[in-house]
């Protein structure tokens, strides 16, 4: 089976043309920063390559954020952004880049366009329920006969962890919908929000998810002081500099640089359960790597105690790496990239070894693809004193710090492994503005508190996972929600 990670497909092209461009086009929050590196582009690439190469680390450093939060961040990214028109090898004009995802935290990757618009996501036997699982593995995503996941965003089958986070939210919704169908206090207490039980279940699922983004995810990865500063400004209908009310919902400084902090939190190995430990990718010679697109065997089903903080569990979860300029070596050797790359606008050849490296791709996309403002320029625009170049940047011979790298360096030097004033302000402002600009989001219902899985003291992804594992058996129709793929067709496609 051939897997094209992040590449343009005919389906995505169709989606791009059908997408309403109003409000869903990527923009800039800062002026561009044209390349002023040496005239010899190969020399410029060498300087940037040296900086990217300095980030490689074989160590799995433990931070203070559960490892599953890295993949929740990937899931959030897929919920709000999908750029199918820009290519790494070409200079991108942000005005022409369409975001296929709705620029809001609405779980459209889970719910699609509803049972009428995307009926393949929903049960034909039990209206309102989302399909979940296969006959081969009840905790896998629903799949068609070819083994392709039946979900709102195909990227959420990218690996066995993010696919199971998608599965958590599918099951969470089905449980909530199942409980609301009972004529009791639960439905009566919420029916003023929506009398239709399926729509109400979607609303409550979204609010629990949005609550986690606001109260758990952002504080986990962004300096708390920065989070609170952005929150208070937006509550007073003001914008942190240099954002304005005219800034595009998803600026490229977020999608191309600051939000890619997640790559720095990735570990080389992950404990899926007590007996199964896997590499991020299945490299040559490895017995186990995270399964990618396609059916997932039961042996890779996650014991969530190893991914999130589940308070009653007697297992300490593994932790994500702290945000910084050391990046796990696994992402320097992407197994789905094998060829050199030619950057079309510059006619610059990127060797295969660098094309396979995610840090190299990030820096090249930052500098060659989008010509983003440097970290120093971003800090100045925010009224901040820029941090100095670190030794790796000096050794590489760079005067300007690429914005993506700057956000990581700032986290390591000033914010104890969390995004600081520049990176944190960009990430917190974008995600909070998405909530604020959505009149149906939890932002506009400050009285709401999570009610499914909440232990009365706290709520987060660990509570979601624990609640789903405890309550899934109560959904009596769950066996009817599974699909069955053709094993022979899947095997022959590999």
Protein backbone atom coordinates (compact mmCIF):
# COMPACT_ATOMS: atom_id res chain seq x y z
CA UNK A 1 0.00 0.00 0.00
CA UNK A 2 1.47 3.35 -1.02
CA UNK A 3 1.10 6.17 1.51
CA UNK A 4 1.49 9.77 0.47
CA UNK A 5 2.09 11.78 3.60
CA UNK A 6 0.72 15.29 3.08
CA UNK A 7 0.70 15.04 -0.72
CA UNK A 8 -1.99 16.38 -3.01
CA UNK A 9 -4.67 13.88 -4.05
CA UNK A 10 -7.45 14.25 -6.57
CA UNK A 11 -9.97 14.25 -3.72
CA UNK A 12 -8.12 17.06 -2.01
CA UNK A 13 -8.01 19.04 -5.26
CA UNK A 14 -11.78 18.74 -5.52
CA UNK A 15 -12.19 19.81 -1.88
CA UNK A 16 -9.93 22.78 -2.50
CA UNK A 17 -12.10 24.09 -5.34
CA UNK A 18 -15.31 23.53 -3.36
CA UNK A 19 -13.97 25.33 -0.28
CA UNK A 20 -15.36 28.77 0.51
CA UNK A 21 -12.32 31.04 0.40
CA UNK A 22 -13.85 33.70 2.65
CA UNK A 23 -12.15 33.37 6.03
CA UNK A 24 -10.37 30.13 5.17
CA UNK A 25 -7.35 31.51 3.30
CA UNK A 26 -3.95 31.53 4.97
CA UNK A 27 -2.53 35.01 5.58
CA UNK A 28 0.35 36.74 7.33
CA UNK A 29 0.56 38.50 10.64
CA UNK A 30 4.06 39.86 9.88
CA UNK A 31 5.69 41.25 6.72
CA UNK A 32 7.65 38.80 4.62
CA UNK A 33 11.39 38.43 5.00
CA UNK A 34 12.99 38.00 1.55
CA UNK A 35 16.08 35.83 1.53
CA UNK A 36 19.29 37.82 1.83
CA UNK A 37 21.62 34.88 2.17
CA UNK A 38 24.61 34.55 -0.19
CA UNK A 39 23.87 34.66 -3.90
CA UNK A 40 24.99 31.05 -4.15
CA UNK A 41 21.77 29.21 -3.19
CA UNK A 42 23.65 25.99 -2.56
CA UNK A 43 25.72 27.85 0.01
CA UNK A 44 22.55 29.23 1.57
CA UNK A 45 21.14 25.73 1.78
CA UNK A 46 24.33 24.53 3.42
CA UNK A 47 24.02 27.14 6.17
CA UNK A 48 20.41 26.25 6.87
CA UNK A 49 21.20 22.55 6.65
CA UNK A 50 23.97 22.89 9.21
CA UNK A 51 21.53 24.47 11.68
CA UNK A 52 18.90 21.79 11.09
CA UNK A 53 21.47 19.02 11.42
CA UNK A 54 22.64 20.36 14.79
CA UNK A 55 19.22 19.58 16.26
CA UNK A 56 19.47 15.79 15.94
CA UNK A 57 19.31 13.84 19.21
CA UNK A 58 19.29 10.11 19.98
CA UNK A 59 18.13 10.74 23.55
CA UNK A 60 14.50 10.48 24.66
CA UNK A 61 14.38 13.41 27.07
CA UNK A 62 11.43 13.47 29.45
CA UNK A 63 9.53 16.73 29.93
CA UNK A 64 6.51 17.42 32.13
CA UNK A 65 3.71 16.89 29.57
CA UNK A 66 2.23 13.41 28.92
CA UNK A 67 3.37 11.99 25.59
CA UNK A 68 -0.15 11.69 24.20
CA UNK A 69 -0.46 15.47 24.17
CA UNK A 70 1.96 15.60 21.23
CA UNK A 71 -0.52 13.62 19.16
CA UNK A 72 -3.49 15.59 20.46
CA UNK A 73 -1.63 18.60 19.03
CA UNK A 74 -1.40 16.81 15.68
CA UNK A 75 -5.12 16.03 15.85
CA UNK A 76 -5.89 19.71 16.59
CA UNK A 77 -3.76 20.79 13.66
CA UNK A 78 -5.69 18.46 11.36
CA UNK A 79 -8.95 19.89 12.73
CA UNK A 80 -8.13 23.44 11.65
CA UNK A 81 -5.64 23.35 8.75
CA UNK A 82 -5.17 21.51 5.49
CA UNK A 83 -3.03 23.21 2.85
CA UNK A 84 -3.27 21.12 -0.30
CA UNK A 85 -2.04 23.71 -2.79
CA UNK A 86 1.45 24.78 -1.68
CA UNK A 87 4.48 22.64 -2.38
CA UNK A 88 7.73 22.55 -0.44
CA UNK A 89 9.69 23.12 -3.62
CA UNK A 90 8.01 26.39 -4.60
CA UNK A 91 7.79 29.88 -3.15
CA UNK A 92 4.26 30.12 -1.77
CA UNK A 93 1.93 33.10 -2.09
CA UNK A 94 -0.21 32.88 1.02
CA UNK A 95 -3.08 34.77 -0.62
CA UNK A 96 -3.63 31.83 -2.98
CA UNK A 97 -3.39 29.04 -0.43
CA UNK A 98 -6.80 27.66 0.52
CA UNK A 99 -7.39 25.99 3.86
CA UNK A 100 -9.58 22.94 3.21
CA UNK A 101 -10.38 22.50 6.91
CA UNK A 102 -12.90 24.83 8.52
CA UNK A 103 -10.83 27.36 10.51
CA UNK A 104 -12.56 26.51 13.78
CA UNK A 105 -12.20 23.89 16.49
CA UNK A 106 -15.42 22.14 15.48
CA UNK A 107 -14.32 18.51 15.07
CA UNK A 108 -15.32 18.47 11.42
CA UNK A 109 -12.64 15.79 11.08
CA UNK A 110 -14.91 13.63 13.27
CA UNK A 111 -18.42 14.70 12.27
CA UNK A 112 -17.83 15.58 8.63
CA UNK A 113 -20.88 17.30 7.16
CA UNK A 114 -23.32 15.21 9.19
CA UNK A 115 -25.28 12.06 8.23
CA UNK A 116 -26.81 13.75 5.18
CA UNK A 117 -23.63 15.35 3.83
CA UNK A 118 -21.19 12.53 4.71
CA UNK A 119 -23.36 9.44 5.25
CA UNK A 120 -20.36 7.09 4.98
CA UNK A 121 -19.25 8.24 8.47
CA UNK A 122 -22.54 7.28 10.11
CA UNK A 123 -24.45 4.10 10.85
CA UNK A 124 -27.28 3.22 8.47
CA UNK A 125 -28.81 0.94 11.11
CA UNK A 126 -28.76 3.34 14.05
CA UNK A 127 -29.24 6.90 12.85
CA UNK A 128 -27.08 9.47 14.61
CA UNK A 129 -24.31 7.07 15.67
CA UNK A 130 -20.87 7.37 14.09
CA UNK A 131 -19.28 4.23 12.69
CA UNK A 132 -16.48 2.89 14.87
CA UNK A 133 -14.19 -0.11 14.66
CA UNK A 134 -13.82 -3.10 12.38
CA UNK A 135 -14.79 -6.73 12.83
CA UNK A 136 -11.05 -7.43 13.03
CA UNK A 137 -10.38 -4.78 15.73
CA UNK A 138 -13.23 -3.02 17.53
CA UNK A 139 -10.89 -0.20 18.58
CA UNK A 140 -9.61 0.54 15.09
CA UNK A 141 -11.18 3.24 12.94
CA UNK A 142 -14.06 2.17 10.66
CA UNK A 143 -12.76 1.14 7.24
CA UNK A 144 -13.98 0.37 3.75
CA UNK A 145 -13.20 -2.84 1.89
CA UNK A 146 -9.74 -1.52 0.94
CA UNK A 147 -8.88 -0.73 4.55
CA UNK A 148 -9.14 3.05 4.10
CA UNK A 149 -10.39 4.81 7.24
CA UNK A 150 -13.91 6.25 7.03
CA UNK A 151 -13.19 9.57 8.75
CA UNK A 152 -13.51 13.27 8.01
CA UNK A 153 -9.77 13.85 7.49
CA UNK A 154 -7.65 11.01 6.06
CA UNK A 155 -4.54 12.37 7.79
CA UNK A 156 -5.93 11.17 11.13
CA UNK A 157 -5.01 7.64 10.12
CA UNK A 158 -1.40 8.77 9.75
CA UNK A 159 -0.18 6.73 12.70
CA UNK A 160 -1.57 4.40 15.34
CA UNK A 161 -1.65 7.07 18.07
CA UNK A 162 -3.41 9.94 16.31
CA UNK A 163 -5.85 7.44 14.74
CA UNK A 164 -6.80 6.22 18.21
CA UNK A 165 -7.24 9.79 19.44
CA UNK A 166 -9.70 10.17 16.56
CA UNK A 167 -11.31 6.95 17.78
CA UNK A 168 -11.55 8.32 21.33
CA UNK A 169 -13.61 11.29 20.14
CA UNK A 170 -15.81 9.07 17.96
CA UNK A 171 -16.55 6.83 20.91
CA UNK A 172 -16.97 9.80 23.27
CA UNK A 173 -19.65 11.24 20.99
CA UNK A 174 -21.41 7.87 20.63
CA UNK A 175 -21.47 7.44 24.41
CA UNK A 176 -22.85 10.95 24.97
CA UNK A 177 -25.47 10.43 22.24
CA UNK A 178 -26.41 7.07 23.77
CA UNK A 179 -26.84 8.62 27.22
CA UNK A 180 -28.87 11.54 25.91
CA UNK A 181 -31.30 9.16 24.22
CA UNK A 182 -32.47 8.07 27.64
CA UNK A 183 -35.30 10.23 28.93
CA UNK A 184 -33.71 11.40 32.16
CA UNK A 185 -32.12 14.31 34.00
CA UNK A 186 -29.10 14.42 31.69
CA UNK A 187 -31.13 15.27 28.60
CA UNK A 188 -33.48 17.56 30.48
CA UNK A 189 -30.57 19.57 31.87
CA UNK A 190 -29.19 20.28 28.37
CA UNK A 191 -32.19 20.24 26.03
CA UNK A 192 -32.45 24.04 26.20
CA UNK A 193 -29.25 24.06 24.10
CA UNK A 194 -30.70 21.82 21.37
CA UNK A 195 -33.73 19.54 21.41
CA UNK A 196 -32.31 17.19 18.76
CA UNK A 197 -30.27 14.61 20.69
CA UNK A 198 -27.69 14.01 17.97
CA UNK A 199 -27.03 17.74 17.52
CA UNK A 200 -26.88 18.17 21.28
CA UNK A 201 -24.39 15.30 21.59
CA UNK A 202 -22.20 16.94 18.93
CA UNK A 203 -22.36 20.28 20.72
CA UNK A 204 -21.40 18.78 24.08
CA UNK A 205 -18.59 16.74 22.49
CA UNK A 206 -17.22 19.89 20.85
CA UNK A 207 -17.41 21.82 24.11
CA UNK A 208 -15.51 19.13 26.02
CA UNK A 209 -12.86 19.10 23.27
CA UNK A 210 -12.64 22.91 23.12
CA UNK A 211 -12.45 23.07 26.92
CA UNK A 212 -9.41 20.77 26.77
CA UNK A 213 -7.74 22.91 24.09
CA UNK A 214 -8.23 26.02 26.21
CA UNK A 215 -7.60 24.67 29.70
CA UNK A 216 -5.24 21.72 29.23
CA UNK A 217 -3.49 21.75 25.85
CA UNK A 218 -2.46 25.40 25.71
CA UNK A 219 -1.21 25.57 29.34
CA UNK A 220 0.71 22.34 28.75
CA UNK A 221 2.78 23.75 25.90
CA UNK A 222 2.62 27.55 26.31
CA UNK A 223 4.11 29.52 29.20
CA UNK A 224 1.20 30.12 31.64
CA UNK A 225 1.95 33.85 31.84
CA UNK A 226 1.73 34.18 28.06
CA UNK A 227 -1.49 32.15 28.00
CA UNK A 228 -3.11 34.37 30.60
CA UNK A 229 -1.93 37.57 28.92
CA UNK A 230 -3.46 36.54 25.59
CA UNK A 231 -6.65 35.34 27.28
CA UNK A 232 -7.21 38.60 29.15
CA UNK A 233 -6.53 40.75 26.09
CA UNK A 234 -8.98 38.81 23.92
CA UNK A 235 -11.62 38.88 26.64
CA UNK A 236 -11.35 42.67 26.53
CA UNK A 237 -11.69 42.55 22.71
CA UNK A 238 -8.07 43.55 22.23
CA UNK A 239 -5.37 41.75 20.28
CA UNK A 240 -1.82 40.89 21.32
CA UNK A 241 0.69 42.67 19.10
CA UNK A 242 1.02 42.35 16.13
CA UNK A 243 -2.39 40.67 15.64
CA UNK A 244 -5.37 42.80 14.65
CA UNK A 245 -9.04 42.10 14.02
CA UNK A 246 -8.12 41.82 10.31
CA UNK A 247 -5.49 39.12 10.79
CA UNK A 248 -6.37 35.91 8.92
CA UNK A 249 -7.66 33.08 11.14
CA UNK A 250 -4.63 30.87 10.37
CA UNK A 251 -1.54 32.99 9.61
CA UNK A 252 1.41 31.22 8.04
CA UNK A 253 3.60 32.21 11.00
CA UNK A 254 1.41 29.79 12.99
CA UNK A 255 1.02 26.96 10.49
CA UNK A 256 4.54 27.00 9.03
CA UNK A 257 6.55 27.93 12.12
CA UNK A 258 5.19 28.32 15.66
CA UNK A 259 2.73 25.41 15.70
CA UNK A 260 5.38 23.06 14.40
CA UNK A 261 6.78 23.05 17.93
CA UNK A 262 5.16 19.62 18.19
CA UNK A 263 7.96 18.10 16.13
CA UNK A 264 10.34 18.96 18.95
CA UNK A 265 8.21 17.07 21.52
CA UNK A 266 8.28 13.75 19.64
CA UNK A 267 10.09 10.83 21.28
CA UNK A 268 11.96 8.19 19.31
CA UNK A 269 10.12 5.31 21.03
CA UNK A 270 6.63 4.95 22.50
CA UNK A 271 5.15 2.51 24.99
CA UNK A 272 1.76 1.52 23.55
CA UNK A 273 0.95 -0.94 26.34
CA UNK A 274 2.78 -2.94 28.97
CA UNK A 275 4.31 -5.32 26.43
CA UNK A 276 4.50 -3.25 23.23
CA UNK A 277 7.09 -0.54 22.62
CA UNK A 278 7.47 0.92 19.14
CA UNK A 279 9.56 3.37 17.20
CA UNK A 280 7.91 6.47 15.79
CA UNK A 281 8.43 4.99 12.31
CA UNK A 282 9.17 1.47 11.21
CA UNK A 283 12.69 1.76 9.89
CA UNK A 284 14.63 -0.93 8.08
CA UNK A 285 15.62 -3.62 10.57
CA UNK A 286 13.04 -2.57 13.17
CA UNK A 287 10.63 -5.18 14.48
CA UNK A 288 8.05 -2.57 15.43
CA UNK A 289 7.19 0.94 14.31
CA UNK A 290 3.97 2.92 14.61
CA UNK A 291 1.61 1.48 11.98
CA UNK A 292 0.68 4.08 9.38
CA UNK A 293 -2.33 4.37 7.06
CA UNK A 294 -4.41 1.21 6.93
CA UNK A 295 -5.84 -1.37 9.35
CA UNK A 296 -4.30 -1.50 12.82
CA UNK A 297 -3.69 -4.82 14.52
CA UNK A 298 -4.98 -5.29 18.07
CA UNK A 299 -1.44 -5.52 19.41
CA UNK A 300 -1.12 -1.77 18.74
CA UNK A 301 -4.24 -0.81 20.71
CA UNK A 302 -3.19 1.81 23.25
CA UNK A 303 -3.33 1.44 26.99
CA UNK A 304 -4.07 5.12 27.63
CA UNK A 305 -2.37 5.02 31.02
CA UNK A 306 0.92 5.21 29.12
CA UNK A 307 -0.15 8.28 27.10
CA UNK A 308 -2.19 10.53 29.39
CA UNK A 309 -2.40 11.31 33.09
CA UNK A 310 -5.17 9.05 34.37
CA UNK A 311 -5.42 9.86 38.05
CA UNK A 312 -6.70 6.53 39.34
CA UNK A 313 -4.17 4.56 37.32
CA UNK A 314 -1.10 3.13 39.01
CA UNK A 315 1.06 3.81 35.96
CA UNK A 316 3.02 6.98 35.30
CA UNK A 317 2.58 8.04 31.67
CA UNK A 318 5.61 8.48 29.46
CA UNK A 319 6.35 12.13 28.79
CA UNK A 320 6.81 14.24 25.67
CA UNK A 321 10.15 15.90 25.11
CA UNK A 322 10.36 19.47 26.45
CA UNK A 323 10.18 22.03 23.64
CA UNK A 324 13.68 22.94 22.56
CA UNK A 325 16.25 22.70 19.81
CA UNK A 326 17.02 19.01 20.38
CA UNK A 327 14.80 16.84 18.17
CA UNK A 328 14.47 13.06 18.14
CA UNK A 329 16.50 11.40 15.42
CA UNK A 330 13.49 9.43 14.14
CA UNK A 331 12.11 12.50 12.35
CA UNK A 332 15.39 12.98 10.50
CA UNK A 333 14.70 9.86 8.45
CA UNK A 334 11.11 9.91 7.19
CA UNK A 335 10.53 6.47 5.64
CA UNK A 336 7.92 7.72 3.17
CA UNK A 337 10.40 10.10 1.45
CA UNK A 338 13.07 8.55 -0.73
CA UNK A 339 14.09 11.00 -3.45
CA UNK A 340 15.94 14.27 -3.74
CA UNK A 341 13.76 17.32 -4.25
CA UNK A 342 14.07 20.27 -6.60
CA UNK A 343 12.82 23.58 -5.24
CA UNK A 344 11.17 24.85 -8.41
CA UNK A 345 11.30 28.63 -7.95
CA UNK A 346 14.97 28.55 -7.00
CA UNK A 347 15.91 25.51 -9.12
CA UNK A 348 17.74 24.30 -6.03
CA UNK A 349 18.39 20.59 -5.53
CA UNK A 350 17.73 19.29 -2.03
CA UNK A 351 19.60 16.01 -1.45
CA UNK A 352 17.48 12.99 -0.49
CA UNK A 353 19.02 12.84 3.00
CA UNK A 354 17.75 16.38 3.69
CA UNK A 355 14.41 15.87 1.94
CA UNK A 356 13.83 12.94 4.35
CA UNK A 357 14.52 15.14 7.39
CA UNK A 358 11.58 16.92 8.99
CA UNK A 359 13.74 19.65 10.62
CA UNK A 360 15.37 20.40 7.26
CA UNK A 361 11.97 20.52 5.57
CA UNK A 362 10.68 22.88 8.25
CA UNK A 363 13.57 25.31 7.87
CA UNK A 364 13.45 25.20 4.07
CA UNK A 365 9.67 25.77 4.08
CA UNK A 366 10.19 28.69 6.49
CA UNK A 367 12.97 30.37 4.53
CA UNK A 368 12.62 29.25 0.91
CA UNK A 369 8.92 28.46 0.71
CA UNK A 370 7.28 31.30 2.67
CA UNK A 371 10.15 33.69 3.46
CA UNK A 372 8.78 34.16 6.97
CA UNK A 373 9.85 36.98 9.24
CA UNK A 374 12.85 36.01 11.32
CA UNK A 375 12.51 35.38 15.02
CA UNK A 376 14.18 38.71 15.75
CA UNK A 377 11.72 40.52 13.47
CA UNK A 378 8.77 38.81 15.16
CA UNK A 379 10.01 39.75 18.63
CA UNK A 380 10.51 43.37 17.60
CA UNK A 381 6.99 43.52 16.13
CA UNK A 382 5.68 42.34 19.51
CA UNK A 383 7.62 45.02 21.38
CA UNK A 384 10.03 42.47 22.85
CA UNK A 385 13.80 42.35 23.08
CA UNK A 386 14.90 39.51 20.80
CA UNK A 387 16.94 36.68 22.27
CA UNK A 388 20.50 36.31 21.01
CA UNK A 389 21.58 33.75 18.47
CA UNK A 390 22.59 30.50 20.13
CA UNK A 391 25.87 28.73 19.43
CA UNK A 392 24.35 26.46 16.77
CA UNK A 393 23.02 29.46 14.83
CA UNK A 394 26.37 31.23 15.11
CA UNK A 395 28.24 28.09 14.04
CA UNK A 396 25.94 27.83 11.01
CA UNK A 397 26.85 31.39 10.04
CA UNK A 398 23.28 32.73 10.17
CA UNK A 399 22.48 36.28 11.26
CA UNK A 400 18.70 35.84 11.18
CA UNK A 401 17.14 33.05 13.22
CA UNK A 402 14.44 31.20 11.25
CA UNK A 403 11.13 31.73 13.03
CA UNK A 404 10.49 28.01 13.58
CA UNK A 405 13.91 27.57 15.20
CA UNK A 406 13.54 30.80 17.19
CA UNK A 407 10.33 29.52 18.83
CA UNK A 408 12.15 26.36 19.95
CA UNK A 409 15.25 28.20 21.15
CA UNK A 410 13.09 30.68 23.06
CA UNK A 411 11.25 27.80 24.75
CA UNK A 412 14.49 26.17 25.87
CA UNK A 413 16.16 29.38 27.07
CA UNK A 414 13.34 31.43 28.57
CA UNK A 415 10.28 29.28 29.29
CA UNK A 416 11.51 25.96 30.75
CA UNK A 417 10.54 23.87 27.76
CA UNK A 418 7.28 25.65 26.92
CA UNK A 419 6.63 28.16 24.15
CA UNK A 420 7.68 31.63 25.24
CA UNK A 421 6.74 35.20 24.35
CA UNK A 422 6.99 34.89 20.56
CA UNK A 423 6.03 31.27 19.88
CA UNK A 424 3.52 31.13 22.71
CA UNK A 425 1.84 34.37 21.73
CA UNK A 426 1.35 33.16 18.15
CA UNK A 427 -0.01 29.74 19.13
CA UNK A 428 -2.23 30.93 21.99
CA UNK A 429 -3.63 33.86 20.02
CA UNK A 430 -4.53 31.79 16.97
CA UNK A 431 -6.25 29.00 18.91
CA UNK A 432 -8.06 31.36 21.27
CA UNK A 433 -9.21 33.58 18.40
CA UNK A 434 -10.67 30.53 16.65
CA UNK A 435 -12.78 29.90 19.75
CA UNK A 436 -13.68 33.55 20.21
CA UNK A 437 -14.68 33.99 16.56
CA UNK A 438 -16.97 30.95 16.68
CA UNK A 439 -20.27 32.07 18.27
CA UNK A 440 -21.17 28.45 19.03
CA UNK A 441 -17.94 27.60 20.87
CA UNK A 442 -17.36 27.05 24.56
CA UNK A 443 -15.66 30.49 24.70
CA UNK A 444 -19.12 32.09 24.70
CA UNK A 445 -20.40 29.76 27.44
CA UNK A 446 -18.02 30.41 30.35
CA UNK A 447 -20.51 28.81 32.72
CA UNK A 448 -19.93 25.41 31.07
CA UNK A 449 -17.96 22.78 32.96
CA UNK A 450 -17.15 19.32 31.59
CA UNK A 451 -19.72 16.82 32.78
CA UNK A 452 -18.70 13.54 31.10
CA UNK A 453 -15.68 12.00 32.79
CA UNK A 454 -15.11 14.95 35.11
CA UNK A 455 -14.05 13.76 38.55
CA UNK A 456 -15.09 17.04 40.13
CA UNK A 457 -11.53 18.32 40.50
CA UNK A 458 -10.00 18.40 37.04
CA UNK A 459 -10.65 17.43 33.45
CA UNK A 460 -8.37 16.57 30.57
CA UNK A 461 -7.55 13.95 27.96
CA UNK A 462 -6.83 11.39 30.67
CA UNK A 463 -10.41 11.79 31.89
CA UNK A 464 -11.74 11.47 28.33
CA UNK A 465 -9.79 8.24 27.80
CA UNK A 466 -10.83 6.83 31.17
CA UNK A 467 -14.50 7.77 30.64
CA UNK A 468 -14.56 6.22 27.17
CA UNK A 469 -12.93 2.97 28.32
CA UNK A 470 -15.39 2.72 31.23
CA UNK A 471 -18.58 3.61 29.36
CA UNK A 472 -18.07 2.15 25.87
CA UNK A 473 -19.63 -1.17 26.90
CA UNK A 474 -22.86 0.67 27.77
CA UNK A 475 -23.43 1.47 24.07
CA UNK A 476 -25.45 -1.65 23.23
CA UNK A 477 -25.41 -1.01 19.48
CA UNK A 478 -21.61 -0.74 19.29
CA UNK A 479 -21.30 -4.11 17.53
CA UNK A 480 -23.47 -2.80 14.69
CA UNK A 481 -21.20 0.23 14.21
CA UNK A 482 -18.19 -1.78 13.03
CA UNK A 483 -17.15 -2.36 9.43
CA UNK A 484 -15.28 -5.22 7.81
CA UNK A 485 -12.53 -4.74 5.26
CA UNK A 486 -11.30 -7.30 2.75
CA UNK A 487 -8.09 -8.83 4.15
CA UNK A 488 -6.99 -10.09 0.73
CA UNK A 489 -7.44 -6.67 -0.91
CA UNK A 490 -5.55 -4.91 1.87
CA UNK A 491 -2.70 -7.44 1.81
CA UNK A 492 -2.33 -7.25 -1.97
CA UNK A 493 -2.21 -3.44 -1.86
CA UNK A 494 0.75 -3.37 0.51
